[in-house]
Amino acid sequence: MPILLGIALQMRALSMLLDMSSLRRPIYERANRIFMVGLIQTACGVGMAILVDLFGISVGGTLPGA
């Protein structure tokens, strides 16, 4: 879920940055902040997915071999 939210925020920022109004500083800065939040959100989601895979936690909440 965090990965999807991060991607959605990045897509929103990209659409804002491609608009002509992004040439105005406040709009550019807002789009830049949204993009960075999306980037951090996506990175956290990927990190969580790696940890879940590393520790072998399944969707049911049990460890393999337990």
N, C-alpha and C. Protein backbone atom coordinates (compact mmCIF):
# COMPACT_ATOMS: atom_id res chain seq x y z
N MET A 1 0.81 -1.20 0.00
CA MET A 1 0.00 0.00 0.00
C MET A 1 0.87 1.28 0.00
N PRO A 2 1.93 1.35 0.82
CA PRO A 2 2.75 2.57 0.79
C PRO A 2 3.38 2.81 -0.58
N ILE A 3 3.71 1.74 -1.27
CA ILE A 3 4.32 1.90 -2.60
C ILE A 3 3.31 2.54 -3.55
N LEU A 4 2.06 2.07 -3.51
CA LEU A 4 1.03 2.62 -4.40
C LEU A 4 0.75 4.08 -4.08
N LEU A 5 0.69 4.41 -2.81
CA LEU A 5 0.47 5.80 -2.41
C LEU A 5 1.62 6.68 -2.88
N GLY A 6 2.85 6.20 -2.71
CA GLY A 6 4.01 6.96 -3.15
C GLY A 6 4.02 7.20 -4.65
N ILE A 7 3.66 6.17 -5.41
CA ILE A 7 3.60 6.31 -6.87
C ILE A 7 2.52 7.30 -7.26
N ALA A 8 1.37 7.24 -6.58
CA ALA A 8 0.28 8.17 -6.89
C ALA A 8 0.71 9.61 -6.61
N LEU A 9 1.42 9.84 -5.51
CA LEU A 9 1.90 11.19 -5.20
C LEU A 9 2.91 11.67 -6.23
N GLN A 10 3.78 10.78 -6.67
CA GLN A 10 4.75 11.16 -7.69
C GLN A 10 4.06 11.49 -9.01
N MET A 11 3.02 10.73 -9.36
CA MET A 11 2.28 11.03 -10.60
C MET A 11 1.58 12.38 -10.49
N ARG A 12 1.02 12.68 -9.32
CA ARG A 12 0.37 13.98 -9.11
C ARG A 12 1.38 15.12 -9.26
N ALA A 13 2.55 14.95 -8.66
CA ALA A 13 3.58 15.98 -8.76
C ALA A 13 4.03 16.16 -10.20
N LEU A 14 4.18 15.06 -10.92
CA LEU A 14 4.59 15.16 -12.32
C LEU A 14 3.55 15.92 -13.14
N SER A 15 2.28 15.63 -12.90
CA SER A 15 1.25 16.35 -13.65
C SER A 15 1.26 17.84 -13.30
N MET A 16 1.54 18.16 -12.05
CA MET A 16 1.63 19.57 -11.66
C MET A 16 2.83 20.24 -12.32
N LEU A 17 3.96 19.53 -12.38
CA LEU A 17 5.17 20.11 -12.94
C LEU A 17 5.09 20.27 -14.46
N LEU A 18 4.29 19.46 -15.11
CA LEU A 18 4.16 19.57 -16.57
C LEU A 18 3.19 20.67 -16.99
N ASP A 19 2.44 21.20 -16.04
CA ASP A 19 1.51 22.29 -16.34
C ASP A 19 2.28 23.60 -16.43
N MET A 20 1.80 24.49 -17.27
CA MET A 20 2.47 25.79 -17.45
C MET A 20 2.48 26.62 -16.16
N SER A 21 1.50 26.40 -15.30
CA SER A 21 1.44 27.19 -14.07
C SER A 21 2.57 26.83 -13.11
N SER A 22 3.26 25.72 -13.36
CA SER A 22 4.37 25.33 -12.47
C SER A 22 5.56 26.27 -12.62
N LEU A 23 5.50 27.17 -13.58
CA LEU A 23 6.58 28.16 -13.72
C LEU A 23 6.53 29.18 -12.59
N ARG A 24 5.38 29.24 -11.91
CA ARG A 24 5.29 30.12 -10.73
C ARG A 24 5.91 29.39 -9.54
N ARG A 25 6.71 30.10 -8.80
CA ARG A 25 7.50 29.50 -7.72
C ARG A 25 6.67 28.75 -6.67
N PRO A 26 5.57 29.30 -6.17
CA PRO A 26 4.81 28.56 -5.13
C PRO A 26 4.27 27.21 -5.63
N ILE A 27 3.83 27.18 -6.86
CA ILE A 27 3.29 25.94 -7.41
C ILE A 27 4.43 24.94 -7.62
N TYR A 28 5.56 25.42 -8.11
CA TYR A 28 6.72 24.55 -8.30
C TYR A 28 7.17 23.95 -6.96
N GLU A 29 7.24 24.79 -5.93
CA GLU A 29 7.69 24.31 -4.62
C GLU A 29 6.72 23.28 -4.04
N ARG A 30 5.42 23.50 -4.22
CA ARG A 30 4.42 22.55 -3.72
C ARG A 30 4.56 21.22 -4.46
N ALA A 31 4.70 21.27 -5.77
CA ALA A 31 4.86 20.05 -6.55
C ALA A 31 6.14 19.32 -6.16
N ASN A 32 7.18 20.07 -5.89
CA ASN A 32 8.45 19.48 -5.47
C ASN A 32 8.29 18.76 -4.13
N ARG A 33 7.58 19.39 -3.18
CA ARG A 33 7.33 18.76 -1.87
C ARG A 33 6.51 17.48 -2.03
N ILE A 34 5.47 17.54 -2.87
CA ILE A 34 4.63 16.36 -3.10
C ILE A 34 5.47 15.23 -3.69
N PHE A 35 6.34 15.56 -4.63
CA PHE A 35 7.19 14.54 -5.24
C PHE A 35 8.11 13.91 -4.20
N MET A 36 8.71 14.73 -3.35
CA MET A 36 9.63 14.20 -2.34
C MET A 36 8.90 13.31 -1.33
N VAL A 37 7.69 13.70 -0.94
CA VAL A 37 6.90 12.86 -0.03
C VAL A 37 6.59 11.54 -0.71
N GLY A 38 6.23 11.58 -1.99
CA GLY A 38 5.96 10.35 -2.73
C GLY A 38 7.19 9.48 -2.85
N LEU A 39 8.33 10.09 -3.06
CA LEU A 39 9.58 9.34 -3.16
C LEU A 39 9.91 8.65 -1.84
N ILE A 40 9.77 9.37 -0.74
CA ILE A 40 10.03 8.80 0.58
C ILE A 40 9.03 7.69 0.90
N GLN A 41 7.76 7.91 0.55
CA GLN A 41 6.72 6.91 0.79
C GLN A 41 7.02 5.63 0.01
N THR A 42 7.41 5.77 -1.24
CA THR A 42 7.74 4.61 -2.06
C THR A 42 8.96 3.88 -1.50
N ALA A 43 9.97 4.62 -1.09
CA ALA A 43 11.17 4.01 -0.51
C ALA A 43 10.83 3.25 0.77
N CYS A 44 9.98 3.82 1.60
CA CYS A 44 9.57 3.12 2.83
C CYS A 44 8.80 1.85 2.50
N GLY A 45 7.94 1.91 1.50
CA GLY A 45 7.19 0.72 1.09
C GLY A 45 8.10 -0.37 0.58
N VAL A 46 9.09 0.01 -0.21
CA VAL A 46 10.05 -0.97 -0.72
C VAL A 46 10.86 -1.55 0.44
N GLY A 47 11.28 -0.70 1.36
CA GLY A 47 12.03 -1.17 2.53
C GLY A 47 11.21 -2.13 3.37
N MET A 48 9.94 -1.82 3.58
CA MET A 48 9.08 -2.73 4.33
C MET A 48 8.91 -4.06 3.61
N ALA A 49 8.75 -4.01 2.29
CA ALA A 49 8.61 -5.25 1.51
C ALA A 49 9.87 -6.10 1.62
N ILE A 50 11.02 -5.46 1.60
CA ILE A 50 12.29 -6.20 1.74
C ILE A 50 12.38 -6.84 3.13
N LEU A 51 12.01 -6.09 4.17
CA LEU A 51 12.05 -6.63 5.52
C LEU A 51 11.09 -7.80 5.69
N VAL A 52 9.89 -7.66 5.15
CA VAL A 52 8.91 -8.74 5.23
C VAL A 52 9.46 -9.98 4.52
N ASP A 53 10.07 -9.79 3.36
CA ASP A 53 10.64 -10.91 2.63
C ASP A 53 11.84 -11.49 3.36
N LEU A 54 12.65 -10.63 3.94
CA LEU A 54 13.85 -11.07 4.64
C LEU A 54 13.50 -11.93 5.86
N PHE A 55 12.50 -11.50 6.62
CA PHE A 55 12.12 -12.22 7.81
C PHE A 55 11.12 -13.34 7.52
N GLY A 56 10.67 -13.46 6.29
CA GLY A 56 9.79 -14.55 5.90
C GLY A 56 8.41 -14.49 6.51
N ILE A 57 7.94 -13.31 6.75
CA ILE A 57 6.60 -13.16 7.34
C ILE A 57 5.58 -13.28 6.21
N SER A 58 4.66 -14.20 6.36
CA SER A 58 3.65 -14.39 5.32
C SER A 58 2.45 -13.52 5.61
N VAL A 59 1.50 -13.54 4.69
CA VAL A 59 0.30 -12.73 4.86
C VAL A 59 -0.49 -13.18 6.09
N GLY A 60 -0.45 -14.47 6.39
CA GLY A 60 -1.16 -14.99 7.55
C GLY A 60 -0.51 -14.64 8.88
N GLY A 61 0.68 -14.10 8.84
CA GLY A 61 1.35 -13.69 10.06
C GLY A 61 2.15 -14.78 10.72
N THR A 62 2.39 -15.87 10.03
CA THR A 62 3.17 -16.95 10.62
C THR A 62 4.52 -17.07 9.92
N LEU A 63 5.47 -17.56 10.64
CA LEU A 63 6.80 -17.78 10.08
C LEU A 63 6.86 -19.16 9.42
N PRO A 64 7.59 -19.30 8.34
CA PRO A 64 7.71 -20.61 7.71
C PRO A 64 8.38 -21.60 8.66
N GLY A 65 7.85 -22.82 8.69
CA GLY A 65 8.40 -23.86 9.53
C GLY A 65 7.95 -23.77 10.98
N ALA A 66 7.07 -22.83 11.28
CA ALA A 66 6.61 -22.70 12.67
C ALA A 66 5.37 -23.53 12.91
